[in-house]
Structure formats: C-alpha cells, structure tokens
C-alpha cells in the first residue's frame, strides 16, 4: 500500500487520541459506521500502542495507522502491533529510511520548503502539512504549488469541518487530517452515536 492510496477512502483522516484502551474498539466501530475507514491513532498516550493493536485485531475493515511517530523505535513498535501506515510530525532521512526498510508506509510531516526538499530527496511526494493552519494554511499550500507541483499534501492541525472544503479545493490537497471527529467530551460520555454522526458529516465533505 502507498500512503497516497489512503485518500481513496474519503476526504478526511481522523487524528485520534485514545486515553483508555476500552474506548478504542467502540470508537473505531463508530467511525467505520459513519463511513470513515482510515484511522490515525496518535502515539500521545501510554495506552496508544495497546489501542492500535486492539483496533487492528477487532475491526479488520478499518485501516489503522499511527500518528506522532518520531523515531525508528516508534516505527517498529507501531508496525509490530499491526499498523498499516505511520504519520510523523516532522521529517528526517533516518525515519524515512527506517520506515521503508521495515515495509511501513510513511506520511511524513513538513512545514517548510527545505523539509519538502529533504522528503523528496528520499522519494516521498505525499506529505502532511503540519501544523497546517498555524504555519500558513491555504495560502502556504498555494505558495507551495508552484515550486512543488509534483507534491500532494494532507493538511493537518487546525482544519475544521467548515474549512476542510476550502483545503480540498486546492489541486495539491488530496485529503485532510481532522481532530474534530472524536471530541474528548463525546468519548468521555461514550457517545459513540455522536461520533458516527460526525464521521458521516466528514465523509460527505466535498471540495468547495
């Protein structure tokens, strides 16, 4: 699988923080029911690896990936628990090579022209712009379109259900990353129906 294939499954990839392992499977099932198949579970909590493994085993129709992958150790750990892809907040050649060596498709994070050039030098042309809104958002992506016409982006960080259509309208954006699909209060209430509703809304987003 190429990470670019992830964009074929819908306009939004949810960026998920899981604090309790028991929430992992019902949350994944709720997202899947709403039409969201690709799930990025971040390595930001002590139970993240357990949560990824639980989803990979119990929800086979989901495509589970790991976010916040920052090191070779992280890459190996998420591969071992069944993740199908990894997303990094930034990019180094070290992590790019390591991911390729273990057969883990990587979506590298970038925010500058130099980082894009480094990723391109290592043959990565589908990149995550992060944190998208903070570093310039739509205007920055328009600026990158000229010198980096062969690069596609997944903007993540500050993108909302309201702004996603404007991002998706850009020719160099193929999918957006979104944190709004799994709000902490809904997860705390175990309101999986609300998460399914948000997933349905997200999966129906069209470019403006």
C-alpha atoms as a PDB file:
ATOM      1  CA  UNK A   1       0.000   0.000   0.000  1.00  0.00           C
ATOM      2  CA  UNK A   2       1.079   3.548  -0.766  1.00  0.00           C
ATOM      3  CA  UNK A   3       0.061   6.267   1.682  1.00  0.00           C
ATOM      4  CA  UNK A   4      -1.470   8.111  -1.273  1.00  0.00           C
ATOM      5  CA  UNK A   5      -3.965   5.232  -1.504  1.00  0.00           C
ATOM      6  CA  UNK A   6      -5.392   6.398   1.844  1.00  0.00           C
ATOM      7  CA  UNK A   7      -7.003   9.346   0.077  1.00  0.00           C
ATOM      8  CA  UNK A   8      -9.155   6.916  -1.919  1.00  0.00           C
ATOM      9  CA  UNK A   9     -11.161   6.069   1.202  1.00  0.00           C
ATOM     10  CA  UNK A  10     -12.625   9.517   1.888  1.00  0.00           C
ATOM     11  CA  UNK A  11     -11.829  13.209   2.303  1.00  0.00           C
ATOM     12  CA  UNK A  12     -10.837  13.143   5.976  1.00  0.00           C
ATOM     13  CA  UNK A  13      -8.467  11.045   8.086  1.00  0.00           C
ATOM     14  CA  UNK A  14      -9.364  11.391  11.788  1.00  0.00           C
ATOM     15  CA  UNK A  15      -6.469  12.171  14.112  1.00  0.00           C
ATOM     16  CA  UNK A  16      -7.320  10.281  17.279  1.00  0.00           C
ATOM     17  CA  UNK A  17      -6.086  10.474  20.878  1.00  0.00           C
ATOM     18  CA  UNK A  18      -7.094   7.469  22.992  1.00  0.00           C
ATOM     19  CA  UNK A  19      -6.724   7.607  26.765  1.00  0.00           C
ATOM     20  CA  UNK A  20      -8.498   4.353  27.661  1.00  0.00           C
ATOM     21  CA  UNK A  21      -7.956   1.060  25.852  1.00  0.00           C
ATOM     22  CA  UNK A  22     -11.619   0.115  26.309  1.00  0.00           C
ATOM     23  CA  UNK A  23     -12.631   3.101  24.166  1.00  0.00           C
ATOM     24  CA  UNK A  24     -10.531   2.023  21.175  1.00  0.00           C
ATOM     25  CA  UNK A  25     -12.752  -0.590  19.532  1.00  0.00           C
ATOM     26  CA  UNK A  26     -16.150   1.099  20.020  1.00  0.00           C
ATOM     27  CA  UNK A  27     -14.672   4.380  18.766  1.00  0.00           C
ATOM     28  CA  UNK A  28     -13.247   2.684  15.676  1.00  0.00           C
ATOM     29  CA  UNK A  29     -16.562   0.920  15.033  1.00  0.00           C
ATOM     30  CA  UNK A  30     -18.445   4.216  15.372  1.00  0.00           C
ATOM     31  CA  UNK A  31     -16.154   5.917  12.859  1.00  0.00           C
ATOM     32  CA  UNK A  32     -16.413   2.995  10.444  1.00  0.00           C
ATOM     33  CA  UNK A  33     -20.212   3.053  10.698  1.00  0.00           C
ATOM     34  CA  UNK A  34     -20.078   6.721   9.684  1.00  0.00           C
ATOM     35  CA  UNK A  35     -18.039   5.927   6.590  1.00  0.00           C
ATOM     36  CA  UNK A  36     -14.550   6.660   7.932  1.00  0.00           C
ATOM     37  CA  UNK A  37     -12.229   3.728   7.249  1.00  0.00           C
ATOM     38  CA  UNK A  38      -8.727   5.185   7.669  1.00  0.00           C
ATOM     39  CA  UNK A  39      -7.842   5.875  11.315  1.00  0.00           C
ATOM     40  CA  UNK A  40      -4.735   7.666  12.568  1.00  0.00           C
ATOM     41  CA  UNK A  41      -4.225   6.876  16.259  1.00  0.00           C
ATOM     42  CA  UNK A  42      -1.584   9.126  17.765  1.00  0.00           C
ATOM     43  CA  UNK A  43       1.281   7.921  19.940  1.00  0.00           C
ATOM     44  CA  UNK A  44       0.458  10.551  22.557  1.00  0.00           C
ATOM     45  CA  UNK A  45      -0.826   8.445  25.430  1.00  0.00           C
ATOM     46  CA  UNK A  46       0.544   5.498  27.439  1.00  0.00           C
ATOM     47  CA  UNK A  47      -2.150   3.179  26.030  1.00  0.00           C
ATOM     48  CA  UNK A  48      -1.770   4.181  22.372  1.00  0.00           C
ATOM     49  CA  UNK A  49       0.008   1.013  21.231  1.00  0.00           C
ATOM     50  CA  UNK A  50      -2.496  -1.206  23.033  1.00  0.00           C
ATOM     51  CA  UNK A  51      -5.344   0.753  21.455  1.00  0.00           C
ATOM     52  CA  UNK A  52      -3.879   0.374  17.961  1.00  0.00           C
ATOM     53  CA  UNK A  53      -3.438  -3.351  18.462  1.00  0.00           C
ATOM     54  CA  UNK A  54      -6.995  -3.740  19.765  1.00  0.00           C
ATOM     55  CA  UNK A  55      -8.449  -1.954  16.732  1.00  0.00           C
ATOM     56  CA  UNK A  56      -6.247  -3.859  14.278  1.00  0.00           C
ATOM     57  CA  UNK A  57      -7.453  -7.179  15.703  1.00  0.00           C
ATOM     58  CA  UNK A  58     -11.130  -6.410  16.383  1.00  0.00           C
ATOM     59  CA  UNK A  59     -12.011  -4.074  13.488  1.00  0.00           C
ATOM     60  CA  UNK A  60     -10.421  -5.675  10.404  1.00  0.00           C
ATOM     61  CA  UNK A  61     -12.270  -3.387   7.974  1.00  0.00           C
ATOM     62  CA  UNK A  62     -10.501  -0.348   9.433  1.00  0.00           C
ATOM     63  CA  UNK A  63      -7.123   0.764   8.082  1.00  0.00           C
ATOM     64  CA  UNK A  64      -5.246   1.577  11.270  1.00  0.00           C
ATOM     65  CA  UNK A  65      -2.226   3.827  11.232  1.00  0.00           C
ATOM     66  CA  UNK A  66      -0.095   5.517  13.862  1.00  0.00           C
ATOM     67  CA  UNK A  67       0.436   9.233  14.251  1.00  0.00           C
ATOM     68  CA  UNK A  68       3.167  11.083  16.170  1.00  0.00           C
ATOM     69  CA  UNK A  69       5.800   8.570  15.016  1.00  0.00           C
ATOM     70  CA  UNK A  70       9.067  10.330  15.831  1.00  0.00           C
ATOM     71  CA  UNK A  71      11.775   7.651  15.898  1.00  0.00           C
ATOM     72  CA  UNK A  72      12.925   4.321  14.486  1.00  0.00           C
ATOM     73  CA  UNK A  73      11.772   2.725  17.753  1.00  0.00           C
ATOM     74  CA  UNK A  74       8.293   4.218  17.301  1.00  0.00           C
ATOM     75  CA  UNK A  75       8.109   2.966  13.711  1.00  0.00           C
ATOM     76  CA  UNK A  76       8.996  -0.593  14.692  1.00  0.00           C
ATOM     77  CA  UNK A  77       6.592  -0.562  17.643  1.00  0.00           C
ATOM     78  CA  UNK A  78       3.584   0.508  15.586  1.00  0.00           C
ATOM     79  CA  UNK A  79       4.427  -1.971  12.832  1.00  0.00           C
ATOM     80  CA  UNK A  80       4.571  -4.734  15.448  1.00  0.00           C
ATOM     81  CA  UNK A  81       1.041  -4.013  16.727  1.00  0.00           C
ATOM     82  CA  UNK A  82      -0.489  -4.168  13.258  1.00  0.00           C
ATOM     83  CA  UNK A  83      -0.484  -0.602  11.955  1.00  0.00           C
ATOM     84  CA  UNK A  84      -0.733  -0.317   8.179  1.00  0.00           C
ATOM     85  CA  UNK A  85       0.900   3.121   7.931  1.00  0.00           C
ATOM     86  CA  UNK A  86       2.667   5.763  10.018  1.00  0.00           C
ATOM     87  CA  UNK A  87       2.483   9.543  10.159  1.00  0.00           C
ATOM     88  CA  UNK A  88       5.326  11.677  11.503  1.00  0.00           C
ATOM     89  CA  UNK A  89       5.009  15.278  12.768  1.00  0.00           C
ATOM     90  CA  UNK A  90       8.260  16.227  11.030  1.00  0.00           C
ATOM     91  CA  UNK A  91      10.767  14.517   8.753  1.00  0.00           C
ATOM     92  CA  UNK A  92      14.290  13.113   8.964  1.00  0.00           C
ATOM     93  CA  UNK A  93      16.015  10.841   6.469  1.00  0.00           C
ATOM     94  CA  UNK A  94      16.643   8.429   9.324  1.00  0.00           C
ATOM     95  CA  UNK A  95      12.951   7.798   9.940  1.00  0.00           C
ATOM     96  CA  UNK A  96      12.217   7.781   6.213  1.00  0.00           C
ATOM     97  CA  UNK A  97      14.766   5.027   5.606  1.00  0.00           C
ATOM     98  CA  UNK A  98      13.730   3.052   8.682  1.00  0.00           C
ATOM     99  CA  UNK A  99      10.061   3.029   7.675  1.00  0.00           C
ATOM    100  CA  UNK A 100      10.941   1.847   4.179  1.00  0.00           C
ATOM    101  CA  UNK A 101      13.236  -0.894   5.497  1.00  0.00           C
ATOM    102  CA  UNK A 102      10.501  -2.413   7.654  1.00  0.00           C
ATOM    103  CA  UNK A 103       7.807  -2.022   4.988  1.00  0.00           C
ATOM    104  CA  UNK A 104       5.812   0.627   6.839  1.00  0.00           C
ATOM    105  CA  UNK A 105       4.263   3.239   4.507  1.00  0.00           C
ATOM    106  CA  UNK A 106       5.097   6.698   5.880  1.00  0.00           C
ATOM    107  CA  UNK A 107       3.274  10.003   5.548  1.00  0.00           C
ATOM    108  CA  UNK A 108       5.972  12.497   6.605  1.00  0.00           C
ATOM    109  CA  UNK A 109       5.149  15.809   8.240  1.00  0.00           C
ATOM    110  CA  UNK A 110       6.595  19.036   6.803  1.00  0.00           C
ATOM    111  CA  UNK A 111       6.076  22.747   7.229  1.00  0.00           C
ATOM    112  CA  UNK A 112       8.874  24.337   5.158  1.00  0.00           C
ATOM    113  CA  UNK A 113      10.315  24.174   1.660  1.00  0.00           C
ATOM    114  CA  UNK A 114      13.540  22.666   2.991  1.00  0.00           C
ATOM    115  CA  UNK A 115      11.666  19.812   4.659  1.00  0.00           C
ATOM    116  CA  UNK A 116       9.738  19.155   1.462  1.00  0.00           C
ATOM    117  CA  UNK A 117      13.006  19.020  -0.492  1.00  0.00           C
ATOM    118  CA  UNK A 118      14.528  16.593   2.026  1.00  0.00           C
ATOM    119  CA  UNK A 119      11.467  14.332   1.838  1.00  0.00           C
ATOM    120  CA  UNK A 120      11.531  14.500  -1.981  1.00  0.00           C
ATOM    121  CA  UNK A 121      15.209  13.576  -1.974  1.00  0.00           C
ATOM    122  CA  UNK A 122      14.198  10.390  -0.146  1.00  0.00           C
ATOM    123  CA  UNK A 123      11.374   9.766  -2.654  1.00  0.00           C
ATOM    124  CA  UNK A 124       8.446  10.903  -0.511  1.00  0.00           C
ATOM    125  CA  UNK A 125       6.000  13.024  -2.514  1.00  0.00           C
ATOM    126  CA  UNK A 126       2.808  12.725  -0.444  1.00  0.00           C
ATOM    127  CA  UNK A 127       3.341  14.789   2.688  1.00  0.00           C
ATOM    128  CA  UNK A 128       1.453  16.027   5.713  1.00  0.00           C
ATOM    129  CA  UNK A 129       1.465  19.800   6.182  1.00  0.00           C
ATOM    130  CA  UNK A 130       1.623  20.218   9.960  1.00  0.00           C
ATOM    131  CA  UNK A 131       0.519  22.185  11.895  1.00  0.00           C
ATOM    132  CA  UNK A 132      -1.334  23.342   8.798  1.00  0.00           C
ATOM    133  CA  UNK A 133      -3.232  26.422   9.918  1.00  0.00           C
ATOM    134  CA  UNK A 134      -0.511  27.661  12.257  1.00  0.00           C
ATOM    135  CA  UNK A 135       2.161  27.635   9.530  1.00  0.00           C
ATOM    136  CA  UNK A 136       0.085  29.332   6.838  1.00  0.00           C
ATOM    137  CA  UNK A 137      -2.732  27.000   5.837  1.00  0.00           C
ATOM    138  CA  UNK A 138      -4.366  27.567   2.468  1.00  0.00           C
ATOM    139  CA  UNK A 139      -2.074  30.452   1.478  1.00  0.00           C
ATOM    140  CA  UNK A 140       1.043  28.405   2.196  1.00  0.00           C
ATOM    141  CA  UNK A 141      -0.272  25.467   0.192  1.00  0.00           C
ATOM    142  CA  UNK A 142      -0.998  27.809  -2.716  1.00  0.00           C
ATOM    143  CA  UNK A 143       2.567  29.071  -2.439  1.00  0.00           C
ATOM    144  CA  UNK A 144       4.000  25.537  -2.414  1.00  0.00           C
ATOM    145  CA  UNK A 145       2.018  24.608  -5.550  1.00  0.00           C
ATOM    146  CA  UNK A 146       4.443  26.471  -7.825  1.00  0.00           C
ATOM    147  CA  UNK A 147       7.857  25.072  -6.877  1.00  0.00           C
ATOM    148  CA  UNK A 148       6.474  21.744  -5.670  1.00  0.00           C
ATOM    149  CA  UNK A 149       3.922  20.994  -8.369  1.00  0.00           C
ATOM    150  CA  UNK A 150       4.505  17.233  -8.107  1.00  0.00           C
ATOM    151  CA  UNK A 151       3.868  17.084  -4.334  1.00  0.00           C
ATOM    152  CA  UNK A 152       0.493  16.225  -2.772  1.00  0.00           C
ATOM    153  CA  UNK A 153      -0.475  17.211   0.762  1.00  0.00           C
ATOM    154  CA  UNK A 154      -2.638  16.182   3.685  1.00  0.00           C
ATOM    155  CA  UNK A 155      -3.070  19.344   5.798  1.00  0.00           C
ATOM    156  CA  UNK A 156      -3.494  18.516   9.483  1.00  0.00           C
ATOM    157  CA  UNK A 157      -3.717  20.781  12.500  1.00  0.00           C
ATOM    158  CA  UNK A 158      -6.419  23.405  12.822  1.00  0.00           C
ATOM    159  CA  UNK A 159      -8.502  22.088   9.927  1.00  0.00           C
ATOM    160  CA  UNK A 160     -12.241  22.066  10.724  1.00  0.00           C
ATOM    161  CA  UNK A 161     -15.394  20.657   9.175  1.00  0.00           C
ATOM    162  CA  UNK A 162     -16.052  24.201   7.914  1.00  0.00           C
ATOM    163  CA  UNK A 163     -12.585  24.821   6.416  1.00  0.00           C
ATOM    164  CA  UNK A 164     -11.937  21.325   5.020  1.00  0.00           C
ATOM    165  CA  UNK A 165     -13.835  22.012   1.742  1.00  0.00           C
ATOM    166  CA  UNK A 166     -11.569  25.033   1.055  1.00  0.00           C
ATOM    167  CA  UNK A 167      -8.438  22.935   1.662  1.00  0.00           C
ATOM    168  CA  UNK A 168      -9.751  20.095  -0.506  1.00  0.00           C
ATOM    169  CA  UNK A 169     -10.433  22.538  -3.331  1.00  0.00           C
ATOM    170  CA  UNK A 170      -6.672  23.092  -3.728  1.00  0.00           C
ATOM    171  CA  UNK A 171      -5.178  20.947  -6.507  1.00  0.00           C
ATOM    172  CA  UNK A 172      -2.280  19.823  -4.287  1.00  0.00           C
ATOM    173  CA  UNK A 173      -4.514  18.639  -1.403  1.00  0.00           C
ATOM    174  CA  UNK A 174      -5.949  15.113  -1.648  1.00  0.00           C
ATOM    175  CA  UNK A 175      -7.205  14.545   1.925  1.00  0.00           C
ATOM    176  CA  UNK A 176      -7.328  16.402   5.254  1.00  0.00           C
ATOM    177  CA  UNK A 177      -6.448  15.293   8.762  1.00  0.00           C
ATOM    178  CA  UNK A 178      -9.064  16.161  11.365  1.00  0.00           C
ATOM    179  CA  UNK A 179      -9.159  16.084  15.155  1.00  0.00           C
ATOM    180  CA  UNK A 180     -12.806  17.120  15.381  1.00  0.00           C
ATOM    181  CA  UNK A 181     -14.267  13.663  14.683  1.00  0.00           C
ATOM    182  CA  UNK A 182     -13.519  12.266  18.142  1.00  0.00           C
ATOM    183  CA  UNK A 183     -14.138  15.122  20.623  1.00  0.00           C
ATOM    184  CA  UNK A 184     -12.916  14.370  24.139  1.00  0.00           C
ATOM    185  CA  UNK A 185     -16.275  15.097  25.756  1.00  0.00           C
ATOM    186  CA  UNK A 186     -18.112  12.657  23.470  1.00  0.00           C
ATOM    187  CA  UNK A 187     -15.500   9.977  24.125  1.00  0.00           C
ATOM    188  CA  UNK A 188     -15.743  10.570  27.888  1.00  0.00           C
ATOM    189  CA  UNK A 189     -19.532  10.086  27.665  1.00  0.00           C
ATOM    190  CA  UNK A 190     -19.008   7.069  25.384  1.00  0.00           C
ATOM    191  CA  UNK A 191     -21.394   8.786  22.983  1.00  0.00           C
ATOM    192  CA  UNK A 192     -20.483   6.671  20.005  1.00  0.00           C
ATOM    193  CA  UNK A 193     -23.620   7.703  18.120  1.00  0.00           C
ATOM    194  CA  UNK A 194     -22.389  11.300  18.114  1.00  0.00           C
ATOM    195  CA  UNK A 195     -19.017  10.193  16.734  1.00  0.00           C
ATOM    196  CA  UNK A 196     -20.806   8.242  13.990  1.00  0.00           C
ATOM    197  CA  UNK A 197     -22.756  11.410  13.154  1.00  0.00           C
ATOM    198  CA  UNK A 198     -19.534  13.455  12.929  1.00  0.00           C
ATOM    199  CA  UNK A 199     -17.977  10.730  10.783  1.00  0.00           C
ATOM    200  CA  UNK A 200     -20.925  10.805   8.378  1.00  0.00           C
ATOM    201  CA  UNK A 201     -20.628  14.576   8.056  1.00  0.00           C
ATOM    202  CA  UNK A 202     -16.878  14.324   7.460  1.00  0.00           C
ATOM    203  CA  UNK A 203     -17.151  11.532   4.902  1.00  0.00           C
ATOM    204  CA  UNK A 204     -19.654  13.626   2.934  1.00  0.00           C
ATOM    205  CA  UNK A 205     -17.400  16.694   2.668  1.00  0.00           C
ATOM    206  CA  UNK A 206     -16.857  17.884  -0.890  1.00  0.00           C
ATOM    207  CA  UNK A 207     -14.276  20.326  -2.200  1.00  0.00           C
ATOM    208  CA  UNK A 208     -15.615  23.899  -2.244  1.00  0.00           C
END
